[in-house]
Amino acid sequence: MTAFDTRVEELIAKHPHLTKDEAIKIVTEKNKRKKQKRNERSNKGNVNKD
């Protein structure tokens, strides 16, 4: 089981009314936001180095 699958299962366990598809969508969107935020932070440090 991957970390992604684990997160989906934990989310379903915490919120039983969610379907598996809804939980996958939530986890995927969160991962995209985290990745975007991480990229913004790393680019912020590179802007002043030009």
PDB file of N, CA and C in Angstrom:
ATOM      1  N   MET A   1       0.844  -1.183   0.000  1.00  0.00           N
ATOM      2  CA  MET A   1       0.000   0.000   0.000  1.00  0.00           C
ATOM      3  C   MET A   1       0.889   1.246   0.000  1.00  0.00           C
ATOM      4  N   THR A   2       0.611   2.166  -0.905  1.00  0.00           N
ATOM      5  CA  THR A   2       1.410   3.382  -1.006  1.00  0.00           C
ATOM      6  C   THR A   2       0.931   4.412   0.007  1.00  0.00           C
ATOM      7  N   ALA A   3       1.714   5.466   0.146  1.00  0.00           N
ATOM      8  CA  ALA A   3       1.339   6.543   1.064  1.00  0.00           C
ATOM      9  C   ALA A   3       0.027   7.188   0.617  1.00  0.00           C
ATOM     10  N   PHE A   4      -0.154   7.291  -0.698  1.00  0.00           N
ATOM     11  CA  PHE A   4      -1.386   7.868  -1.231  1.00  0.00           C
ATOM     12  C   PHE A   4      -2.593   7.031  -0.821  1.00  0.00           C
ATOM     13  N   ASP A   5      -2.485   5.716  -1.005  1.00  0.00           N
ATOM     14  CA  ASP A   5      -3.582   4.815  -0.622  1.00  0.00           C
ATOM     15  C   ASP A   5      -3.867   4.893   0.872  1.00  0.00           C
ATOM     16  N   THR A   6      -2.806   5.002   1.657  1.00  0.00           N
ATOM     17  CA  THR A   6      -2.959   5.105   3.107  1.00  0.00           C
ATOM     18  C   THR A   6      -3.724   6.360   3.477  1.00  0.00           C
ATOM     19  N   ARG A   7      -3.369   7.481   2.844  1.00  0.00           N
ATOM     20  CA  ARG A   7      -4.070   8.742   3.124  1.00  0.00           C
ATOM     21  C   ARG A   7      -5.543   8.654   2.753  1.00  0.00           C
ATOM     22  N   VAL A   8      -5.826   8.027   1.619  1.00  0.00           N
ATOM     23  CA  VAL A   8      -7.218   7.871   1.176  1.00  0.00           C
ATOM     24  C   VAL A   8      -7.994   7.027   2.185  1.00  0.00           C
ATOM     25  N   GLU A   9      -7.411   5.915   2.615  1.00  0.00           N
ATOM     26  CA  GLU A   9      -8.078   5.041   3.585  1.00  0.00           C
ATOM     27  C   GLU A   9      -8.299   5.752   4.922  1.00  0.00           C
ATOM     28  N   GLU A  10      -7.301   6.532   5.365  1.00  0.00           N
ATOM     29  CA  GLU A  10      -7.450   7.276   6.624  1.00  0.00           C
ATOM     30  C   GLU A  10      -8.569   8.301   6.519  1.00  0.00           C
ATOM     31  N   LEU A  11      -8.650   8.976   5.378  1.00  0.00           N
ATOM     32  CA  LEU A  11      -9.693   9.978   5.176  1.00  0.00           C
ATOM     33  C   LEU A  11     -11.076   9.326   5.182  1.00  0.00           C
ATOM     34  N   ILE A  12     -11.198   8.178   4.550  1.00  0.00           N
ATOM     35  CA  ILE A  12     -12.476   7.454   4.534  1.00  0.00           C
ATOM     36  C   ILE A  12     -12.833   6.973   5.940  1.00  0.00           C
ATOM     37  N   ALA A  13     -11.840   6.522   6.696  1.00  0.00           N
ATOM     38  CA  ALA A  13     -12.098   6.064   8.063  1.00  0.00           C
ATOM     39  C   ALA A  13     -12.572   7.220   8.943  1.00  0.00           C
ATOM     40  N   LYS A  14     -11.988   8.392   8.728  1.00  0.00           N
ATOM     41  CA  LYS A  14     -12.350   9.558   9.542  1.00  0.00           C
ATOM     42  C   LYS A  14     -13.712  10.122   9.129  1.00  0.00           C
ATOM     43  N   HIS A  15     -14.012  10.045   7.829  1.00  0.00           N
ATOM     44  CA  HIS A  15     -15.273  10.577   7.297  1.00  0.00           C
ATOM     45  C   HIS A  15     -15.967   9.486   6.482  1.00  0.00           C
ATOM     46  N   PRO A  16     -16.694   8.605   7.143  1.00  0.00           N
ATOM     47  CA  PRO A  16     -17.296   7.445   6.453  1.00  0.00           C
ATOM     48  C   PRO A  16     -18.307   7.803   5.368  1.00  0.00           C
ATOM     49  N   HIS A  17     -18.842   9.019   5.397  1.00  0.00           N
ATOM     50  CA  HIS A  17     -19.826   9.396   4.383  1.00  0.00           C
ATOM     51  C   HIS A  17     -19.185   9.655   3.020  1.00  0.00           C
ATOM     52  N   LEU A  18     -17.850   9.817   2.966  1.00  0.00           N
ATOM     53  CA  LEU A  18     -17.169  10.049   1.697  1.00  0.00           C
ATOM     54  C   LEU A  18     -17.066   8.756   0.895  1.00  0.00           C
ATOM     55  N   THR A  19     -17.194   8.905  -0.415  1.00  0.00           N
ATOM     56  CA  THR A  19     -16.925   7.759  -1.278  1.00  0.00           C
ATOM     57  C   THR A  19     -15.425   7.714  -1.544  1.00  0.00           C
ATOM     58  N   LYS A  20     -14.965   6.599  -2.064  1.00  0.00           N
ATOM     59  CA  LYS A  20     -13.530   6.465  -2.356  1.00  0.00           C
ATOM     60  C   LYS A  20     -13.104   7.483  -3.418  1.00  0.00           C
ATOM     61  N   ASP A  21     -13.943   7.712  -4.423  1.00  0.00           N
ATOM     62  CA  ASP A  21     -13.621   8.685  -5.471  1.00  0.00           C
ATOM     63  C   ASP A  21     -13.495  10.096  -4.908  1.00  0.00           C
ATOM     64  N   GLU A  22     -14.406  10.459  -3.994  1.00  0.00           N
ATOM     65  CA  GLU A  22     -14.337  11.780  -3.370  1.00  0.00           C
ATOM     66  C   GLU A  22     -13.066  11.925  -2.542  1.00  0.00           C
ATOM     67  N   ALA A  23     -12.710  10.900  -1.808  1.00  0.00           N
ATOM     68  CA  ALA A  23     -11.504  10.934  -0.984  1.00  0.00           C
ATOM     69  C   ALA A  23     -10.261  11.055  -1.859  1.00  0.00           C
ATOM     70  N   ILE A  24     -10.226  10.336  -2.969  1.00  0.00           N
ATOM     71  CA  ILE A  24      -9.093  10.425  -3.899  1.00  0.00           C
ATOM     72  C   ILE A  24      -8.978  11.839  -4.449  1.00  0.00           C
ATOM     73  N   LYS A  25     -10.101  12.444  -4.798  1.00  0.00           N
ATOM     74  CA  LYS A  25     -10.104  13.809  -5.328  1.00  0.00           C
ATOM     75  C   LYS A  25      -9.562  14.786  -4.287  1.00  0.00           C
ATOM     76  N   ILE A  26      -9.981  14.650  -3.043  1.00  0.00           N
ATOM     77  CA  ILE A  26      -9.530  15.532  -1.968  1.00  0.00           C
ATOM     78  C   ILE A  26      -8.028  15.398  -1.758  1.00  0.00           C
ATOM     79  N   VAL A  27      -7.536  14.172  -1.690  1.00  0.00           N
ATOM     80  CA  VAL A  27      -6.106  13.942  -1.457  1.00  0.00           C
ATOM     81  C   VAL A  27      -5.287  14.469  -2.636  1.00  0.00           C
ATOM     82  N   THR A  28      -5.769  14.257  -3.854  1.00  0.00           N
ATOM     83  CA  THR A  28      -5.061  14.730  -5.046  1.00  0.00           C
ATOM     84  C   THR A  28      -4.975  16.252  -5.058  1.00  0.00           C
ATOM     85  N   GLU A  29      -6.078  16.927  -4.753  1.00  0.00           N
ATOM     86  CA  GLU A  29      -6.081  18.390  -4.730  1.00  0.00           C
ATOM     87  C   GLU A  29      -5.149  18.919  -3.653  1.00  0.00           C
ATOM     88  N   LYS A  30      -5.144  18.278  -2.495  1.00  0.00           N
ATOM     89  CA  LYS A  30      -4.256  18.706  -1.418  1.00  0.00           C
ATOM     90  C   LYS A  30      -2.801  18.555  -1.844  1.00  0.00           C
ATOM     91  N   ASN A  31      -2.474  17.441  -2.496  1.00  0.00           N
ATOM     92  CA  ASN A  31      -1.107  17.230  -2.964  1.00  0.00           C
ATOM     93  C   ASN A  31      -0.696  18.301  -3.969  1.00  0.00           C
ATOM     94  N   LYS A  32      -1.615  18.693  -4.858  1.00  0.00           N
ATOM     95  CA  LYS A  32      -1.321  19.749  -5.835  1.00  0.00           C
ATOM     96  C   LYS A  32      -1.046  21.072  -5.132  1.00  0.00           C
ATOM     97  N   ARG A  33      -1.875  21.409  -4.122  1.00  0.00           N
ATOM     98  CA  ARG A  33      -1.673  22.660  -3.382  1.00  0.00           C
ATOM     99  C   ARG A  33      -0.340  22.657  -2.649  1.00  0.00           C
ATOM    100  N   LYS A  34       0.002  21.506  -2.025  1.00  0.00           N
ATOM    101  CA  LYS A  34       1.274  21.395  -1.305  1.00  0.00           C
ATOM    102  C   LYS A  34       2.450  21.550  -2.266  1.00  0.00           C
ATOM    103  N   LYS A  35       2.346  20.930  -3.431  1.00  0.00           N
ATOM    104  CA  LYS A  35       3.420  20.998  -4.425  1.00  0.00           C
ATOM    105  C   LYS A  35       3.584  22.434  -4.928  1.00  0.00           C
ATOM    106  N   GLN A  36       2.465  23.116  -5.186  1.00  0.00           N
ATOM    107  CA  GLN A  36       2.507  24.493  -5.656  1.00  0.00           C
ATOM    108  C   GLN A  36       3.126  25.403  -4.599  1.00  0.00           C
ATOM    109  N   LYS A  37       2.742  25.225  -3.352  1.00  0.00           N
ATOM    110  CA  LYS A  37       3.278  26.031  -2.263  1.00  0.00           C
ATOM    111  C   LYS A  37       4.777  25.794  -2.104  1.00  0.00           C
ATOM    112  N   ARG A  38       5.200  24.534  -2.218  1.00  0.00           N
ATOM    113  CA  ARG A  38       6.616  24.183  -2.113  1.00  0.00           C
ATOM    114  C   ARG A  38       7.411  24.848  -3.240  1.00  0.00           C
ATOM    115  N   ASN A  39       6.864  24.837  -4.464  1.00  0.00           N
ATOM    116  CA  ASN A  39       7.533  25.468  -5.600  1.00  0.00           C
ATOM    117  C   ASN A  39       7.623  26.977  -5.427  1.00  0.00           C
ATOM    118  N   GLU A  40       6.571  27.595  -4.906  1.00  0.00           N
ATOM    119  CA  GLU A  40       6.593  29.039  -4.673  1.00  0.00           C
ATOM    120  C   GLU A  40       7.657  29.412  -3.660  1.00  0.00           C
ATOM    121  N   ARG A  41       7.786  28.615  -2.599  1.00  0.00           N
ATOM    122  CA  ARG A  41       8.807  28.895  -1.583  1.00  0.00           C
ATOM    123  C   ARG A  41      10.205  28.756  -2.162  1.00  0.00           C
ATOM    124  N   SER A  42      10.434  27.733  -2.965  1.00  0.00           N
ATOM    125  CA  SER A  42      11.773  27.525  -3.520  1.00  0.00           C
ATOM    126  C   SER A  42      12.086  28.588  -4.568  1.00  0.00           C
ATOM    127  N   ASN A  43      11.097  29.030  -5.326  1.00  0.00           N
ATOM    128  CA  ASN A  43      11.325  30.076  -6.325  1.00  0.00           C
ATOM    129  C   ASN A  43      11.533  31.432  -5.671  1.00  0.00           C
ATOM    130  N   LYS A  44      10.927  31.644  -4.532  1.00  0.00           N
ATOM    131  CA  LYS A  44      11.072  32.907  -3.815  1.00  0.00           C
ATOM    132  C   LYS A  44      12.534  33.147  -3.448  1.00  0.00           C
ATOM    133  N   GLY A  45      13.233  32.126  -3.042  1.00  0.00           N
ATOM    134  CA  GLY A  45      14.641  32.242  -2.688  1.00  0.00           C
ATOM    135  C   GLY A  45      15.525  32.443  -3.901  1.00  0.00           C
ATOM    136  N   ASN A  46      15.108  31.954  -5.060  1.00  0.00           N
ATOM    137  CA  ASN A  46      15.911  32.064  -6.277  1.00  0.00           C
ATOM    138  C   ASN A  46      15.756  33.406  -6.976  1.00  0.00           C
ATOM    139  N   VAL A  47      14.721  34.167  -6.686  1.00  0.00           N
ATOM    140  CA  VAL A  47      14.458  35.432  -7.363  1.00  0.00           C
ATOM    141  C   VAL A  47      15.575  36.434  -7.092  1.00  0.00           C
ATOM    142  N   ASN A  48      16.049  36.518  -5.878  1.00  0.00           N
ATOM    143  CA  ASN A  48      17.059  37.504  -5.514  1.00  0.00           C
ATOM    144  C   ASN A  48      18.463  37.121  -5.947  1.00  0.00           C
ATOM    145  N   LYS A  49      18.658  35.927  -6.458  1.00  0.00           N
ATOM    146  CA  LYS A  49      19.998  35.455  -6.810  1.00  0.00           C
ATOM    147  C   LYS A  49      20.382  35.788  -8.247  1.00  0.00           C
ATOM    148  N   ASP A  50      19.521  36.458  -9.003  1.00  0.00           N
ATOM    149  CA  ASP A  50      19.832  36.792 -10.407  1.00  0.00           C
ATOM    150  C   ASP A  50      20.848  37.892 -10.516  1.00  0.00           C
TER     151      ASP A  50
END
